[in-house]
């Protein structure tokens, strides 16, 4: 009997908590964590973080990200780039620690697959 893998009917999963892009190395299995688990559930893209992120800066970046997606009609990669650029050029959250932890994994080319 094979391993059954359910599917998530979505193109994008956003994990805005601390270090959600990191995994734990398991002997003989490689890195295992949120990205691995979600990739098995088949979303096309995963937005996650590489290090601890500050709550208010995260809320601002995610708001800008979704504005780019839903209001400006940008692809996820372009929406993330735009949100990070706006944060970098702003006064309050201009340091990389505030915006650079966010990475997009998976298919960057566009919606659908």
C-alpha atoms as a PDB file:
ATOM      1  CA  UNK A   1       0.000   0.000   0.000  1.00  0.00           C
ATOM      2  CA  UNK A   2       1.421   3.386  -1.021  1.00  0.00           C
ATOM      3  CA  UNK A   3       1.646   6.624   0.912  1.00  0.00           C
ATOM      4  CA  UNK A   4      -1.442   8.776   0.304  1.00  0.00           C
ATOM      5  CA  UNK A   5      -0.773  12.479  -0.070  1.00  0.00           C
ATOM      6  CA  UNK A   6      -3.740  14.855   0.153  1.00  0.00           C
ATOM      7  CA  UNK A   7      -3.782  17.962  -1.994  1.00  0.00           C
ATOM      8  CA  UNK A   8      -4.449  21.533  -0.952  1.00  0.00           C
ATOM      9  CA  UNK A   9      -6.599  23.252  -3.597  1.00  0.00           C
ATOM     10  CA  UNK A  10      -4.511  26.449  -3.630  1.00  0.00           C
ATOM     11  CA  UNK A  11      -1.752  28.116  -5.588  1.00  0.00           C
ATOM     12  CA  UNK A  12      -0.152  29.945  -2.666  1.00  0.00           C
ATOM     13  CA  UNK A  13       0.402  29.210   1.030  1.00  0.00           C
ATOM     14  CA  UNK A  14       1.667  32.039   3.264  1.00  0.00           C
ATOM     15  CA  UNK A  15       3.417  31.168   6.528  1.00  0.00           C
ATOM     16  CA  UNK A  16       4.286  34.441   8.240  1.00  0.00           C
ATOM     17  CA  UNK A  17       5.510  33.033  11.553  1.00  0.00           C
ATOM     18  CA  UNK A  18       9.143  32.907  12.648  1.00  0.00           C
ATOM     19  CA  UNK A  19      11.558  30.666  10.711  1.00  0.00           C
ATOM     20  CA  UNK A  20       8.809  28.880   8.780  1.00  0.00           C
ATOM     21  CA  UNK A  21      11.126  28.263   5.803  1.00  0.00           C
ATOM     22  CA  UNK A  22      13.600  26.296   7.894  1.00  0.00           C
ATOM     23  CA  UNK A  23      13.599  22.597   8.528  1.00  0.00           C
ATOM     24  CA  UNK A  24      15.312  20.123  10.780  1.00  0.00           C
ATOM     25  CA  UNK A  25      17.853  17.736   9.280  1.00  0.00           C
ATOM     26  CA  UNK A  26      16.735  14.153   9.765  1.00  0.00           C
ATOM     27  CA  UNK A  27      19.254  11.396   9.160  1.00  0.00           C
ATOM     28  CA  UNK A  28      18.491   9.641   5.908  1.00  0.00           C
ATOM     29  CA  UNK A  29      15.567  11.926   5.086  1.00  0.00           C
ATOM     30  CA  UNK A  30      17.207  15.329   4.570  1.00  0.00           C
ATOM     31  CA  UNK A  31      15.628  18.554   5.744  1.00  0.00           C
ATOM     32  CA  UNK A  32      12.105  18.264   7.133  1.00  0.00           C
ATOM     33  CA  UNK A  33       9.872  21.157   8.153  1.00  0.00           C
ATOM     34  CA  UNK A  34       6.977  23.330   7.021  1.00  0.00           C
ATOM     35  CA  UNK A  35       8.251  23.762   3.433  1.00  0.00           C
ATOM     36  CA  UNK A  36       8.679  20.006   3.015  1.00  0.00           C
ATOM     37  CA  UNK A  37       5.290  19.245   4.532  1.00  0.00           C
ATOM     38  CA  UNK A  38       3.508  21.831   2.395  1.00  0.00           C
ATOM     39  CA  UNK A  39       5.333  20.751  -0.777  1.00  0.00           C
ATOM     40  CA  UNK A  40       3.899  17.267  -0.214  1.00  0.00           C
ATOM     41  CA  UNK A  41       0.423  18.826  -0.116  1.00  0.00           C
ATOM     42  CA  UNK A  42       1.006  20.372  -3.547  1.00  0.00           C
ATOM     43  CA  UNK A  43       0.576  24.158  -3.399  1.00  0.00           C
ATOM     44  CA  UNK A  44       2.429  25.796  -6.286  1.00  0.00           C
ATOM     45  CA  UNK A  45       4.092  28.415  -4.084  1.00  0.00           C
ATOM     46  CA  UNK A  46       5.017  28.839  -0.429  1.00  0.00           C
ATOM     47  CA  UNK A  47       5.891  32.183   1.203  1.00  0.00           C
ATOM     48  CA  UNK A  48       7.853  31.576   4.397  1.00  0.00           C
ATOM     49  CA  UNK A  49      10.530  33.124   6.627  1.00  0.00           C
ATOM     50  CA  UNK A  50      14.191  32.305   7.220  1.00  0.00           C
ATOM     51  CA  UNK A  51      14.586  33.876  10.667  1.00  0.00           C
ATOM     52  CA  UNK A  52      12.498  35.303  13.523  1.00  0.00           C
ATOM     53  CA  UNK A  53      10.400  38.217  12.319  1.00  0.00           C
ATOM     54  CA  UNK A  54       8.959  41.141  14.275  1.00  0.00           C
ATOM     55  CA  UNK A  55       5.148  41.091  14.436  1.00  0.00           C
ATOM     56  CA  UNK A  56       4.438  44.648  13.281  1.00  0.00           C
ATOM     57  CA  UNK A  57       6.972  44.561  10.458  1.00  0.00           C
ATOM     58  CA  UNK A  58       5.536  41.211   9.345  1.00  0.00           C
ATOM     59  CA  UNK A  59       1.987  42.574   9.390  1.00  0.00           C
ATOM     60  CA  UNK A  60       3.095  45.526   7.265  1.00  0.00           C
ATOM     61  CA  UNK A  61       4.959  43.361   4.758  1.00  0.00           C
ATOM     62  CA  UNK A  62       2.101  40.865   4.417  1.00  0.00           C
ATOM     63  CA  UNK A  63      -0.400  43.690   3.954  1.00  0.00           C
ATOM     64  CA  UNK A  64       1.761  45.165   1.191  1.00  0.00           C
ATOM     65  CA  UNK A  65       2.240  41.702  -0.344  1.00  0.00           C
ATOM     66  CA  UNK A  66      -1.504  41.046  -0.540  1.00  0.00           C
ATOM     67  CA  UNK A  67      -2.126  44.570  -1.853  1.00  0.00           C
ATOM     68  CA  UNK A  68       0.266  43.787  -4.695  1.00  0.00           C
ATOM     69  CA  UNK A  69      -1.464  40.467  -5.379  1.00  0.00           C
ATOM     70  CA  UNK A  70      -5.090  41.515  -5.065  1.00  0.00           C
ATOM     71  CA  UNK A  71      -5.130  45.217  -5.924  1.00  0.00           C
ATOM     72  CA  UNK A  72      -2.220  45.573  -8.360  1.00  0.00           C
ATOM     73  CA  UNK A  73      -2.636  42.134  -9.965  1.00  0.00           C
ATOM     74  CA  UNK A  74       1.039  41.198  -9.530  1.00  0.00           C
ATOM     75  CA  UNK A  75       2.417  37.654  -9.584  1.00  0.00           C
ATOM     76  CA  UNK A  76       3.506  36.440  -6.118  1.00  0.00           C
ATOM     77  CA  UNK A  77       7.208  36.975  -6.845  1.00  0.00           C
ATOM     78  CA  UNK A  78       6.597  40.533  -8.057  1.00  0.00           C
ATOM     79  CA  UNK A  79       4.261  41.289  -5.129  1.00  0.00           C
ATOM     80  CA  UNK A  80       6.909  40.100  -2.658  1.00  0.00           C
ATOM     81  CA  UNK A  81       9.636  42.081  -4.411  1.00  0.00           C
ATOM     82  CA  UNK A  82       7.448  45.204  -4.394  1.00  0.00           C
ATOM     83  CA  UNK A  83       6.539  44.792  -0.702  1.00  0.00           C
ATOM     84  CA  UNK A  84      10.172  44.257   0.288  1.00  0.00           C
ATOM     85  CA  UNK A  85      11.332  47.236  -1.786  1.00  0.00           C
ATOM     86  CA  UNK A  86       8.691  49.502  -0.239  1.00  0.00           C
ATOM     87  CA  UNK A  87       9.757  48.395   3.238  1.00  0.00           C
ATOM     88  CA  UNK A  88      13.446  48.892   2.432  1.00  0.00           C
ATOM     89  CA  UNK A  89      12.853  52.404   1.111  1.00  0.00           C
ATOM     90  CA  UNK A  90      10.591  53.416   4.009  1.00  0.00           C
ATOM     91  CA  UNK A  91      11.644  54.987   7.288  1.00  0.00           C
ATOM     92  CA  UNK A  92      10.254  52.633   9.905  1.00  0.00           C
ATOM     93  CA  UNK A  93      11.193  49.133   8.641  1.00  0.00           C
ATOM     94  CA  UNK A  94      14.135  49.821   6.339  1.00  0.00           C
ATOM     95  CA  UNK A  95      16.578  47.337   7.880  1.00  0.00           C
ATOM     96  CA  UNK A  96      16.893  43.925   6.179  1.00  0.00           C
ATOM     97  CA  UNK A  97      15.951  42.169   9.423  1.00  0.00           C
ATOM     98  CA  UNK A  98      12.462  43.669   8.992  1.00  0.00           C
ATOM     99  CA  UNK A  99      11.738  42.483   5.440  1.00  0.00           C
ATOM    100  CA  UNK A 100      14.426  40.176   4.008  1.00  0.00           C
ATOM    101  CA  UNK A 101      13.440  37.022   5.958  1.00  0.00           C
ATOM    102  CA  UNK A 102      10.569  36.369   3.540  1.00  0.00           C
ATOM    103  CA  UNK A 103      11.261  33.978   0.664  1.00  0.00           C
ATOM    104  CA  UNK A 104       9.021  32.521  -2.011  1.00  0.00           C
ATOM    105  CA  UNK A 105       9.534  28.834  -2.749  1.00  0.00           C
ATOM    106  CA  UNK A 106       8.099  26.906  -5.665  1.00  0.00           C
ATOM    107  CA  UNK A 107       6.918  28.061  -9.097  1.00  0.00           C
ATOM    108  CA  UNK A 108       7.722  31.771  -9.528  1.00  0.00           C
ATOM    109  CA  UNK A 109       6.428  32.045 -13.079  1.00  0.00           C
ATOM    110  CA  UNK A 110       2.806  32.915 -12.440  1.00  0.00           C
ATOM    111  CA  UNK A 111      -0.536  31.602 -11.268  1.00  0.00           C
ATOM    112  CA  UNK A 112      -1.553  28.050 -12.012  1.00  0.00           C
ATOM    113  CA  UNK A 113       0.785  25.476 -13.125  1.00  0.00           C
END
